[in-house]
């Protein structure tokens, strides 16, 4: 006697699915692609593409936009402007004028002791203090826009307690040994330099100087 068809199908069905794969899908499951929405290697996670405090400097300390200090390249100062000079060398230029540089000569013991020297505005300025107490206890006011140098020679407080106030151009104080005790250079925005052959060294107040060099 032949078995009913529903019995045959019920017996063959499991065999077909298990052995033949008739009713299933043998394609292996696929893994969803990484789209950067998580914390993968495509940089969407904090710290790898700069979206957080990462490596491109968007965080503190690397590009100056955060809490770090970014003063720019050291020593990048503008070139000093050329002084125009005037029709005649000013009378305060006791050492003469050369190429629109005014020299104020304080050579001799006590020559300009306690004097407040003001450089003429149209010239670069050079002040020479040579001798014991030559410019002791005084001050030098540089021109507003042009270079300025104070030379302290001869030791013995040649520029003792001297105040040199710079303008916006380069400014320098040059000190022999024992010549600049208590002296101070007040820098402007230009290059500011103190050079010493011996001690004591002057004090340098760098302020907004683009490049400041102390002894």
N, C-alpha and C. Protein backbone atom coordinates (compact mmCIF):
# COMPACT_ATOMS: atom_id res chain seq x y z
N UNK A 1 0.85 -1.19 0.00
CA UNK A 1 0.00 0.00 0.00
C UNK A 1 0.88 1.24 0.00
N UNK A 2 0.51 2.19 -0.83
CA UNK A 2 1.33 3.40 -0.93
C UNK A 2 1.01 4.35 0.21
N UNK A 3 2.14 4.93 0.76
CA UNK A 3 1.96 5.88 1.88
C UNK A 3 1.37 7.18 1.38
N UNK A 4 0.56 7.80 2.20
CA UNK A 4 0.00 9.10 1.79
C UNK A 4 1.11 10.11 1.50
N UNK A 5 0.83 10.98 0.58
CA UNK A 5 1.84 11.95 0.14
C UNK A 5 2.28 12.87 1.25
N UNK A 6 1.41 13.18 2.19
CA UNK A 6 1.81 14.11 3.26
C UNK A 6 2.83 13.48 4.17
N UNK A 7 2.80 12.12 4.28
CA UNK A 7 3.81 11.45 5.12
C UNK A 7 5.16 11.52 4.45
N UNK A 8 5.18 11.32 3.11
CA UNK A 8 6.46 11.36 2.36
C UNK A 8 7.09 12.73 2.47
N UNK A 9 6.28 13.75 2.30
CA UNK A 9 6.82 15.10 2.37
C UNK A 9 7.34 15.43 3.74
N UNK A 10 6.62 14.95 4.77
CA UNK A 10 7.09 15.25 6.12
C UNK A 10 8.39 14.59 6.44
N UNK A 11 8.65 13.43 5.78
CA UNK A 11 9.92 12.73 6.01
C UNK A 11 11.06 13.31 5.19
N UNK A 12 10.73 13.75 3.96
CA UNK A 12 11.79 14.26 3.08
C UNK A 12 12.16 15.70 3.39
N UNK A 13 11.23 16.45 3.99
CA UNK A 13 11.51 17.87 4.22
C UNK A 13 12.74 18.13 5.04
N UNK A 14 12.89 17.52 6.23
CA UNK A 14 14.10 17.77 7.04
C UNK A 14 15.37 17.35 6.35
N UNK A 15 15.28 16.23 5.56
CA UNK A 15 16.49 15.79 4.87
C UNK A 15 16.92 16.80 3.82
N UNK A 16 15.93 17.38 3.13
CA UNK A 16 16.26 18.35 2.09
C UNK A 16 16.89 19.60 2.68
N UNK A 17 16.35 20.06 3.80
CA UNK A 17 16.88 21.27 4.41
C UNK A 17 18.24 21.02 5.00
N UNK A 18 18.41 19.92 5.72
CA UNK A 18 19.69 19.66 6.41
C UNK A 18 20.78 19.26 5.48
N UNK A 19 20.49 18.36 4.48
CA UNK A 19 21.55 17.82 3.64
C UNK A 19 21.70 18.55 2.34
N UNK A 20 20.61 19.01 1.76
CA UNK A 20 20.67 19.59 0.43
C UNK A 20 20.64 21.10 0.44
N UNK A 21 20.27 21.69 1.55
CA UNK A 21 20.21 23.15 1.59
C UNK A 21 19.07 23.70 0.79
N UNK A 22 18.00 22.92 0.66
CA UNK A 22 16.94 23.34 -0.23
C UNK A 22 16.21 24.58 0.29
N UNK A 23 16.01 24.63 1.58
CA UNK A 23 15.20 25.73 2.08
C UNK A 23 15.98 26.83 2.74
N UNK A 24 17.29 26.79 2.79
CA UNK A 24 18.09 27.80 3.51
C UNK A 24 18.92 28.66 2.60
N UNK A 25 19.72 29.54 3.22
CA UNK A 25 20.62 30.44 2.49
C UNK A 25 22.00 30.24 3.06
N UNK A 26 22.91 29.62 2.25
CA UNK A 26 24.24 29.32 2.77
C UNK A 26 25.22 30.48 2.57
N UNK A 27 24.74 31.66 2.16
CA UNK A 27 25.63 32.82 2.00
C UNK A 27 26.09 33.29 3.37
N UNK A 28 27.42 33.42 3.60
CA UNK A 28 27.88 33.84 4.94
C UNK A 28 27.43 35.25 5.25
N UNK A 29 27.14 35.52 6.51
CA UNK A 29 26.69 36.87 6.89
C UNK A 29 27.78 37.91 6.63
N UNK A 30 27.35 39.07 6.24
CA UNK A 30 28.30 40.16 5.97
C UNK A 30 28.39 41.07 7.18
N UNK A 31 29.59 41.71 7.35
CA UNK A 31 29.82 42.64 8.45
C UNK A 31 29.55 44.06 7.97
N UNK A 32 28.73 44.83 8.68
CA UNK A 32 28.46 46.21 8.23
C UNK A 32 29.75 47.01 8.13
N UNK A 33 29.91 47.77 7.07
CA UNK A 33 31.15 48.57 6.91
C UNK A 33 31.25 49.63 7.98
N UNK A 34 32.52 50.01 8.31
CA UNK A 34 32.77 51.09 9.26
C UNK A 34 32.51 52.41 8.57
N UNK A 35 31.68 53.24 9.15
CA UNK A 35 31.36 54.53 8.52
C UNK A 35 31.86 55.70 9.34
N UNK A 36 32.66 55.42 10.36
CA UNK A 36 33.20 56.55 11.13
C UNK A 36 32.26 57.03 12.19
N UNK A 37 31.13 56.33 12.37
CA UNK A 37 30.21 56.81 13.38
C UNK A 37 30.59 56.39 14.77
N UNK A 38 31.55 55.50 14.90
CA UNK A 38 31.94 55.02 16.22
C UNK A 38 33.30 55.53 16.58
N UNK A 39 34.12 54.67 17.15
CA UNK A 39 35.45 55.08 17.60
C UNK A 39 36.51 54.34 16.81
N UNK A 40 36.34 54.23 15.49
CA UNK A 40 37.26 53.46 14.68
C UNK A 40 38.46 54.25 14.25
N UNK A 41 39.19 53.74 13.23
CA UNK A 41 40.45 54.34 12.80
C UNK A 41 40.27 55.41 11.75
N UNK A 42 39.02 55.73 11.40
CA UNK A 42 38.84 56.74 10.35
C UNK A 42 38.92 58.14 10.90
N UNK A 43 39.22 58.31 12.19
CA UNK A 43 39.49 59.65 12.71
C UNK A 43 38.30 60.34 13.29
N UNK A 44 37.11 59.66 13.32
CA UNK A 44 35.98 60.37 13.89
C UNK A 44 36.02 60.38 15.40
N UNK A 45 36.88 59.55 15.98
CA UNK A 45 36.97 59.50 17.44
C UNK A 45 37.81 60.65 17.95
N UNK A 46 37.59 61.11 19.18
CA UNK A 46 38.39 62.21 19.74
C UNK A 46 39.86 61.89 19.76
N UNK A 47 40.66 62.85 19.37
CA UNK A 47 42.09 62.71 19.54
C UNK A 47 42.84 62.25 18.33
N UNK A 48 42.17 61.96 17.18
CA UNK A 48 42.92 61.51 16.04
C UNK A 48 42.82 62.44 14.85
N UNK A 49 41.72 63.21 14.71
CA UNK A 49 41.62 64.13 13.57
C UNK A 49 41.54 65.57 14.01
N UNK A 50 41.76 65.82 15.30
CA UNK A 50 41.75 67.20 15.76
C UNK A 50 40.39 67.66 16.20
N UNK A 51 39.33 66.75 16.10
CA UNK A 51 38.03 67.18 16.56
C UNK A 51 38.00 67.32 18.07
N UNK A 52 38.86 66.60 18.74
CA UNK A 52 39.02 66.72 20.18
C UNK A 52 40.35 67.33 20.46
N UNK A 53 40.91 67.18 21.67
CA UNK A 53 42.23 67.73 21.98
C UNK A 53 43.31 66.84 21.40
N UNK A 54 43.50 66.89 20.09
CA UNK A 54 44.30 65.89 19.41
C UNK A 54 45.63 66.36 18.90
N UNK A 55 46.03 65.78 17.74
CA UNK A 55 47.40 65.93 17.27
C UNK A 55 47.60 67.08 16.31
N UNK A 56 46.53 67.74 15.87
CA UNK A 56 46.73 68.81 14.88
C UNK A 56 46.86 70.17 15.52
N UNK A 57 46.95 70.22 16.84
CA UNK A 57 47.17 71.49 17.49
C UNK A 57 45.92 72.25 17.81
N UNK A 58 44.74 71.63 17.58
CA UNK A 58 43.53 72.36 17.91
C UNK A 58 43.29 72.43 19.40
N UNK A 59 43.99 71.61 20.14
CA UNK A 59 43.88 71.62 21.59
C UNK A 59 44.89 72.56 22.19
N UNK A 60 44.99 72.61 23.51
CA UNK A 60 45.89 73.54 24.18
C UNK A 60 47.34 73.30 23.85
N UNK A 61 48.06 74.36 23.60
CA UNK A 61 49.51 74.31 23.65
C UNK A 61 50.24 74.09 22.35
N UNK A 62 49.54 73.72 21.24
CA UNK A 62 50.29 73.39 20.04
C UNK A 62 50.29 74.48 18.99
N UNK A 63 49.18 75.20 18.84
CA UNK A 63 49.16 76.27 17.84
C UNK A 63 48.89 77.63 18.45
N UNK A 64 48.92 77.69 19.78
CA UNK A 64 48.70 78.96 20.42
C UNK A 64 47.24 79.30 20.59
N UNK A 65 46.33 78.44 20.09
CA UNK A 65 44.92 78.76 20.20
C UNK A 65 44.33 78.35 21.53
N UNK A 66 45.07 77.55 22.31
CA UNK A 66 44.56 77.10 23.59
C UNK A 66 45.34 77.74 24.71
N UNK A 67 45.76 76.89 25.64
CA UNK A 67 46.40 77.43 26.82
C UNK A 67 47.91 77.49 26.72
N UNK A 68 48.47 77.19 25.54
CA UNK A 68 49.91 77.19 25.42
C UNK A 68 50.45 78.58 25.16
N UNK A 69 51.75 78.65 25.01
CA UNK A 69 52.42 79.92 24.75
C UNK A 69 53.00 79.87 23.35
N UNK A 70 52.59 80.77 22.49
CA UNK A 70 53.10 80.82 21.14
C UNK A 70 53.56 82.25 20.86
N UNK A 71 54.87 82.46 20.97
CA UNK A 71 55.40 83.81 20.79
C UNK A 71 55.92 84.04 19.39
N UNK A 72 55.79 83.02 18.54
CA UNK A 72 56.29 83.16 17.19
C UNK A 72 57.78 82.90 17.14
N UNK A 73 58.35 82.92 15.94
CA UNK A 73 59.78 82.67 15.79
C UNK A 73 60.60 83.71 16.54
N UNK A 74 61.60 83.28 17.31
CA UNK A 74 62.39 84.23 18.10
C UNK A 74 63.21 85.15 17.21
N UNK A 75 63.33 86.39 17.65
CA UNK A 75 64.20 87.34 16.97
C UNK A 75 63.67 87.88 15.66
N UNK A 76 62.38 87.67 15.37
CA UNK A 76 61.83 88.18 14.12
C UNK A 76 61.42 89.63 14.29
N UNK A 77 62.38 90.54 14.11
CA UNK A 77 62.14 91.97 14.31
C UNK A 77 62.19 92.70 12.98
N UNK A 78 61.49 93.81 12.91
CA UNK A 78 61.50 94.64 11.71
C UNK A 78 62.86 95.33 11.56
N UNK A 79 63.19 95.64 10.33
CA UNK A 79 64.43 96.39 10.07
C UNK A 79 64.24 97.82 10.57
N UNK A 80 65.26 98.35 11.21
CA UNK A 80 65.19 99.73 11.71
C UNK A 80 64.96 100.70 10.56
N UNK A 81 64.07 101.65 10.72
CA UNK A 81 63.89 102.67 9.69
C UNK A 81 65.10 103.60 9.62
N UNK A 82 65.34 104.15 8.45
CA UNK A 82 66.45 105.08 8.27
C UNK A 82 66.06 106.45 8.81
N UNK A 83 66.88 107.00 9.69
CA UNK A 83 66.57 108.34 10.22
C UNK A 83 66.74 109.39 9.13
N UNK A 84 65.88 110.39 9.10
CA UNK A 84 65.97 111.40 8.04
C UNK A 84 67.05 112.44 8.26
N UNK A 85 67.45 112.64 9.55
CA UNK A 85 68.38 113.72 9.85
C UNK A 85 67.71 115.07 9.70
N UNK A 86 68.51 116.10 9.77
CA UNK A 86 68.00 117.47 9.65
C UNK A 86 69.01 118.31 8.85
N UNK A 87 68.68 119.56 8.66
CA UNK A 87 69.56 120.42 7.87
C UNK A 87 70.92 120.62 8.51
N UNK A 88 70.97 120.69 9.83
CA UNK A 88 72.22 120.89 10.55
C UNK A 88 72.26 119.95 11.75
N UNK A 89 73.46 119.55 12.12
CA UNK A 89 73.61 118.65 13.26
C UNK A 89 73.15 119.38 14.53
N UNK A 90 72.23 118.76 15.30
CA UNK A 90 71.72 119.43 16.51
C UNK A 90 72.83 119.69 17.52
N UNK A 91 72.69 120.73 18.31
CA UNK A 91 73.72 121.12 19.26
C UNK A 91 73.93 120.09 20.36
N UNK A 92 72.88 119.29 20.67
CA UNK A 92 73.07 118.27 21.71
C UNK A 92 73.94 117.10 21.25
N UNK A 93 74.23 117.05 19.95
CA UNK A 93 75.11 116.00 19.42
C UNK A 93 76.55 116.48 19.56
N UNK A 94 77.06 116.45 20.79
CA UNK A 94 78.38 117.02 21.09
C UNK A 94 79.53 116.25 20.46
N UNK A 95 79.26 115.01 20.04
CA UNK A 95 80.28 114.22 19.33
C UNK A 95 80.11 114.26 17.83
N UNK A 96 79.18 115.11 17.34
CA UNK A 96 78.98 115.27 15.90
C UNK A 96 77.90 114.34 15.35
N UNK A 97 77.64 114.46 14.06
CA UNK A 97 76.67 113.64 13.34
C UNK A 97 77.36 112.94 12.18
N UNK A 98 77.06 111.67 12.02
CA UNK A 98 77.68 110.89 10.95
C UNK A 98 76.62 109.96 10.35
N UNK A 99 76.25 110.23 9.10
CA UNK A 99 75.23 109.40 8.46
C UNK A 99 73.91 109.41 9.20
N UNK A 100 73.53 110.58 9.67
CA UNK A 100 72.28 110.75 10.43
C UNK A 100 72.27 109.97 11.75
N UNK A 101 73.47 109.74 12.27
CA UNK A 101 73.62 109.19 13.62
C UNK A 101 74.21 110.30 14.49
N UNK A 102 73.48 110.65 15.53
CA UNK A 102 73.93 111.69 16.47
C UNK A 102 74.73 111.05 17.59
N UNK A 103 75.93 111.55 17.84
CA UNK A 103 76.74 111.07 18.97
C UNK A 103 76.76 112.13 20.06
N UNK A 104 76.36 111.70 21.26
CA UNK A 104 76.41 112.57 22.44
C UNK A 104 77.58 112.10 23.28
N UNK A 105 78.58 112.95 23.38
CA UNK A 105 79.86 112.57 23.99
C UNK A 105 79.94 113.02 25.44
N UNK A 106 80.00 112.04 26.33
CA UNK A 106 80.17 112.33 27.76
C UNK A 106 81.47 111.68 28.24
N UNK A 107 82.57 112.14 27.69
CA UNK A 107 83.88 111.60 28.03
C UNK A 107 84.53 112.45 29.11
N UNK A 108 84.97 111.78 30.16
CA UNK A 108 85.61 112.48 31.28
C UNK A 108 84.88 112.17 32.57
N UNK A 109 85.63 112.17 33.67
CA UNK A 109 85.04 111.88 34.98
C UNK A 109 83.94 112.89 35.29
N UNK A 110 82.73 112.37 35.54
CA UNK A 110 81.61 113.22 35.90
C UNK A 110 81.11 114.11 34.77
N UNK A 111 81.47 113.80 33.52
CA UNK A 111 81.15 114.68 32.40
C UNK A 111 79.65 114.97 32.28
N UNK A 112 78.81 113.94 32.42
CA UNK A 112 77.35 114.12 32.33
C UNK A 112 76.68 113.54 33.57
N UNK A 113 77.35 113.65 34.70
CA UNK A 113 76.87 113.07 35.95
C UNK A 113 75.49 113.65 36.30
N UNK A 114 74.50 112.77 36.46
CA UNK A 114 73.16 113.21 36.85
C UNK A 114 72.34 113.85 35.75
N UNK A 115 72.87 113.91 34.53
CA UNK A 115 72.15 114.57 33.43
C UNK A 115 71.05 113.66 32.87
N UNK A 116 69.96 114.29 32.45
CA UNK A 116 68.90 113.60 31.73
C UNK A 116 69.06 113.93 30.25
N UNK A 117 69.61 112.97 29.52
CA UNK A 117 69.96 113.18 28.11
C UNK A 117 68.78 112.79 27.23
N UNK A 118 68.41 113.68 26.31
CA UNK A 118 67.31 113.42 25.38
C UNK A 118 67.88 113.45 23.96
N UNK A 119 67.78 112.34 23.26
CA UNK A 119 68.29 112.27 21.89
C UNK A 119 67.36 113.02 20.94
N UNK A 120 67.91 113.67 19.92
CA UNK A 120 67.07 114.35 18.93
C UNK A 120 66.24 113.33 18.14
N UNK A 121 65.03 113.71 17.80
CA UNK A 121 64.08 112.77 17.21
C UNK A 121 64.41 112.37 15.77
N UNK A 122 65.13 113.21 15.03
CA UNK A 122 65.34 112.93 13.60
C UNK A 122 66.56 112.06 13.32
N UNK A 123 67.25 111.63 14.38
CA UNK A 123 68.52 110.89 14.21
C UNK A 123 68.49 109.59 15.00
N UNK A 124 69.28 108.62 14.51
CA UNK A 124 69.66 107.52 15.39
C UNK A 124 70.61 108.11 16.43
N UNK A 125 70.71 107.46 17.60
CA UNK A 125 71.43 108.10 18.70
C UNK A 125 72.48 107.17 19.31
N UNK A 126 73.65 107.75 19.57
CA UNK A 126 74.74 107.04 20.23
C UNK A 126 75.25 107.91 21.37
N UNK A 127 75.17 107.37 22.59
CA UNK A 127 75.63 108.11 23.77
C UNK A 127 76.85 107.40 24.33
N UNK A 128 77.95 108.15 24.47
CA UNK A 128 79.20 107.57 24.96
C UNK A 128 79.49 108.15 26.35
N UNK A 129 79.54 107.25 27.34
CA UNK A 129 79.85 107.65 28.73
C UNK A 129 81.17 106.98 29.10
N UNK A 130 82.23 107.77 29.18
CA UNK A 130 83.56 107.21 29.37
C UNK A 130 84.27 107.94 30.51
N UNK A 131 84.43 107.24 31.64
CA UNK A 131 85.10 107.84 32.79
C UNK A 131 84.32 107.55 34.06
N UNK A 132 84.99 107.74 35.17
CA UNK A 132 84.34 107.52 36.47
C UNK A 132 83.16 108.48 36.63
N UNK A 133 81.99 107.90 36.93
CA UNK A 133 80.75 108.67 37.12
C UNK A 133 80.39 109.54 35.92
N UNK A 134 80.85 109.13 34.74
CA UNK A 134 80.62 109.96 33.55
C UNK A 134 79.14 110.27 33.34
N UNK A 135 78.28 109.25 33.49
CA UNK A 135 76.82 109.43 33.34
C UNK A 135 76.10 108.83 34.54
N UNK A 136 76.70 108.91 35.68
CA UNK A 136 76.15 108.27 36.88
C UNK A 136 74.84 108.95 37.29
N UNK A 137 73.84 108.13 37.60
CA UNK A 137 72.60 108.66 38.16
C UNK A 137 71.74 109.44 37.22
N UNK A 138 72.02 109.40 35.94
CA UNK A 138 71.21 110.14 34.98
C UNK A 138 70.30 109.23 34.18
N UNK A 139 69.87 109.72 33.02
CA UNK A 139 68.98 108.94 32.15
C UNK A 139 69.24 109.30 30.70
N UNK A 140 68.86 108.38 29.82
CA UNK A 140 68.93 108.61 28.38
C UNK A 140 67.57 108.27 27.79
N UNK A 141 66.99 109.23 27.06
CA UNK A 141 65.73 109.01 26.36
C UNK A 141 66.04 108.89 24.87
N UNK A 142 65.81 107.71 24.33
CA UNK A 142 66.12 107.45 22.92
C UNK A 142 65.10 108.12 22.00
N UNK A 143 65.44 108.28 20.71
CA UNK A 143 64.43 108.76 19.77
C UNK A 143 63.29 107.75 19.67
N UNK A 144 62.12 108.23 19.36
CA UNK A 144 60.93 107.38 19.35
C UNK A 144 61.01 106.28 18.30
N UNK A 145 61.56 106.59 17.11
CA UNK A 145 61.48 105.65 15.99
C UNK A 145 62.81 105.08 15.52
N UNK A 146 63.94 105.56 16.08
CA UNK A 146 65.22 105.20 15.49
C UNK A 146 66.15 104.52 16.50
N UNK A 147 67.18 103.87 15.96
CA UNK A 147 68.09 103.06 16.77
C UNK A 147 68.81 103.90 17.81
N UNK A 148 69.21 103.21 18.89
CA UNK A 148 69.82 103.93 20.02
C UNK A 148 70.81 103.01 20.73
N UNK A 149 71.99 103.57 21.08
CA UNK A 149 73.02 102.80 21.78
C UNK A 149 73.63 103.64 22.91
N UNK A 150 73.78 103.01 24.07
CA UNK A 150 74.49 103.64 25.19
C UNK A 150 75.76 102.84 25.46
N UNK A 151 76.91 103.52 25.31
CA UNK A 151 78.21 102.88 25.52
C UNK A 151 78.78 103.35 26.86
N UNK A 152 79.03 102.39 27.75
CA UNK A 152 79.51 102.70 29.11
C UNK A 152 80.92 102.18 29.26
N UNK A 153 81.88 103.08 29.27
CA UNK A 153 83.30 102.71 29.28
C UNK A 153 83.98 103.21 30.55
N UNK A 154 85.16 102.71 30.77
CA UNK A 154 86.03 103.28 31.80
C UNK A 154 85.75 102.80 33.21
N UNK A 155 84.71 101.97 33.40
CA UNK A 155 84.44 101.46 34.74
C UNK A 155 84.03 102.57 35.69
N UNK A 156 84.09 102.26 36.99
CA UNK A 156 83.83 103.27 38.01
C UNK A 156 82.49 103.94 37.87
N UNK A 157 81.41 103.16 37.68
CA UNK A 157 80.05 103.73 37.58
C UNK A 157 79.91 104.73 36.44
N UNK A 158 80.52 104.43 35.32
CA UNK A 158 80.35 105.31 34.15
C UNK A 158 78.86 105.47 33.82
N UNK A 159 78.09 104.40 34.00
CA UNK A 159 76.63 104.46 33.79
C UNK A 159 75.90 103.93 35.02
N UNK A 160 76.45 104.18 36.19
CA UNK A 160 75.83 103.69 37.42
C UNK A 160 74.42 104.27 37.60
N UNK A 161 73.48 103.40 37.94
CA UNK A 161 72.08 103.82 38.18
C UNK A 161 71.48 104.58 37.00
N UNK A 162 71.96 104.26 35.83
CA UNK A 162 71.49 104.92 34.61
C UNK A 162 70.19 104.27 34.12
N UNK A 163 69.24 105.07 33.62
CA UNK A 163 68.01 104.56 33.02
C UNK A 163 68.03 104.86 31.53
N UNK A 164 68.04 103.80 30.73
CA UNK A 164 68.00 103.94 29.27
C UNK A 164 66.60 103.55 28.81
N UNK A 165 65.89 104.49 28.21
CA UNK A 165 64.53 104.24 27.73
C UNK A 165 64.53 104.18 26.21
N UNK A 166 64.17 103.03 25.69
CA UNK A 166 64.24 102.78 24.24
C UNK A 166 62.98 103.22 23.53
N UNK A 167 63.10 103.36 22.19
CA UNK A 167 61.95 103.62 21.34
C UNK A 167 61.48 102.32 20.69
N UNK A 168 60.97 102.43 19.46
CA UNK A 168 60.45 101.25 18.76
C UNK A 168 61.48 100.56 17.89
N UNK A 169 62.66 101.15 17.73
CA UNK A 169 63.72 100.54 16.93
C UNK A 169 64.69 99.78 17.85
N UNK A 170 65.77 99.26 17.28
CA UNK A 170 66.73 98.50 18.08
C UNK A 170 67.39 99.40 19.12
N UNK A 171 67.77 98.78 20.23
CA UNK A 171 68.30 99.54 21.37
C UNK A 171 69.30 98.67 22.11
N UNK A 172 70.42 99.27 22.56
CA UNK A 172 71.46 98.47 23.20
C UNK A 172 72.18 99.27 24.28
N UNK A 173 72.65 98.54 25.29
CA UNK A 173 73.56 99.10 26.28
C UNK A 173 74.81 98.22 26.30
N UNK A 174 75.97 98.86 26.25
CA UNK A 174 77.25 98.15 26.24
C UNK A 174 78.03 98.55 27.48
N UNK A 175 78.39 97.57 28.29
CA UNK A 175 78.96 97.86 29.61
C UNK A 175 80.35 97.27 29.79
N UNK A 176 81.31 98.13 30.15
CA UNK A 176 82.60 97.64 30.63
C UNK A 176 82.43 97.14 32.06
N UNK A 177 83.43 96.43 32.57
CA UNK A 177 83.36 95.93 33.94
C UNK A 177 83.21 97.10 34.91
N UNK A 178 82.32 96.94 35.86
CA UNK A 178 82.06 97.93 36.93
C UNK A 178 81.45 99.24 36.42
N UNK A 179 80.97 99.24 35.17
CA UNK A 179 80.45 100.49 34.61
C UNK A 179 78.94 100.66 34.75
N UNK A 180 78.21 99.56 34.95
CA UNK A 180 76.74 99.62 34.86
C UNK A 180 76.02 99.16 36.12
N UNK A 181 76.64 99.37 37.27
CA UNK A 181 75.99 98.96 38.52
C UNK A 181 74.69 99.73 38.72
N UNK A 182 73.57 99.01 38.84
CA UNK A 182 72.28 99.65 39.06
C UNK A 182 71.62 100.22 37.82
N UNK A 183 72.23 100.03 36.65
CA UNK A 183 71.65 100.56 35.41
C UNK A 183 70.49 99.67 34.95
N UNK A 184 69.56 100.27 34.20
CA UNK A 184 68.40 99.54 33.68
C UNK A 184 68.14 99.97 32.25
N UNK A 185 67.89 98.99 31.39
CA UNK A 185 67.46 99.27 30.03
C UNK A 185 65.97 98.93 29.93
N UNK A 186 65.18 99.93 29.57
CA UNK A 186 63.74 99.76 29.43
C UNK A 186 63.45 99.57 27.94
N UNK A 187 63.23 98.34 27.54
CA UNK A 187 63.10 98.01 26.13
C UNK A 187 61.79 98.53 25.53
N UNK A 188 61.84 98.84 24.23
CA UNK A 188 60.63 99.14 23.48
C UNK A 188 60.19 97.90 22.73
N UNK A 189 59.61 98.09 21.55
CA UNK A 189 59.13 96.94 20.78
C UNK A 189 60.19 96.37 19.84
N UNK A 190 61.30 97.08 19.66
CA UNK A 190 62.36 96.59 18.79
C UNK A 190 63.32 95.64 19.50
N UNK A 191 64.35 95.22 18.78
CA UNK A 191 65.37 94.35 19.38
C UNK A 191 66.07 95.08 20.52
N UNK A 192 66.30 94.38 21.61
CA UNK A 192 66.84 95.01 22.82
C UNK A 192 68.00 94.17 23.35
N UNK A 193 69.17 94.79 23.51
CA UNK A 193 70.37 94.02 23.84
C UNK A 193 71.18 94.68 24.95
N UNK A 194 71.62 93.84 25.88
CA UNK A 194 72.61 94.27 26.88
C UNK A 194 73.85 93.42 26.69
N UNK A 195 75.00 94.05 26.54
CA UNK A 195 76.27 93.34 26.35
C UNK A 195 77.25 93.79 27.43
N UNK A 196 77.91 92.82 28.06
CA UNK A 196 78.77 93.14 29.20
C UNK A 196 80.16 92.53 29.06
N UNK A 197 81.17 93.33 29.37
CA UNK A 197 82.54 92.82 29.44
C UNK A 197 82.86 92.30 30.83
N UNK A 198 82.02 92.62 31.78
CA UNK A 198 82.21 92.18 33.16
C UNK A 198 80.98 92.52 33.98
N UNK A 199 81.02 92.18 35.23
CA UNK A 199 79.90 92.43 36.12
C UNK A 199 80.14 93.72 36.93
N UNK A 200 79.09 94.26 37.53
CA UNK A 200 77.70 93.80 37.52
C UNK A 200 76.99 94.15 36.22
N UNK A 201 75.96 93.34 35.91
CA UNK A 201 75.21 93.54 34.68
C UNK A 201 74.03 94.48 34.92
N UNK A 202 73.63 95.22 33.90
CA UNK A 202 72.43 96.05 34.03
C UNK A 202 71.18 95.18 34.05
N UNK A 203 70.09 95.74 34.52
CA UNK A 203 68.82 95.05 34.49
C UNK A 203 68.16 95.30 33.15
N UNK A 204 67.56 94.25 32.57
CA UNK A 204 66.84 94.37 31.30
C UNK A 204 65.34 94.19 31.54
N UNK A 205 64.58 95.22 31.22
CA UNK A 205 63.11 95.11 31.28
C UNK A 205 62.62 94.93 29.85
N UNK A 206 62.36 93.68 29.48
CA UNK A 206 62.13 93.33 28.07
C UNK A 206 60.80 93.85 27.54
N UNK A 207 59.77 93.88 28.36
CA UNK A 207 58.48 94.40 27.92
C UNK A 207 57.99 93.75 26.64
N UNK A 208 57.68 94.54 25.63
CA UNK A 208 57.12 94.03 24.36
C UNK A 208 58.18 93.84 23.29
N UNK A 209 59.46 93.80 23.68
CA UNK A 209 60.55 93.67 22.71
C UNK A 209 60.38 92.40 21.85
N UNK A 210 60.64 92.54 20.55
CA UNK A 210 60.56 91.39 19.64
C UNK A 210 61.72 90.43 19.86
N UNK A 211 62.80 90.88 20.46
CA UNK A 211 63.95 90.03 20.76
C UNK A 211 64.76 90.71 21.87
N UNK A 212 64.85 90.05 23.01
CA UNK A 212 65.48 90.67 24.17
C UNK A 212 66.63 89.79 24.65
N UNK A 213 67.81 90.38 24.78
CA UNK A 213 69.00 89.64 25.19
C UNK A 213 69.69 90.36 26.33
N UNK A 214 69.76 89.69 27.49
CA UNK A 214 70.40 90.28 28.66
C UNK A 214 71.81 89.76 28.81
N UNK A 215 72.59 90.41 29.66
CA UNK A 215 73.96 89.95 29.91
C UNK A 215 73.94 88.60 30.66
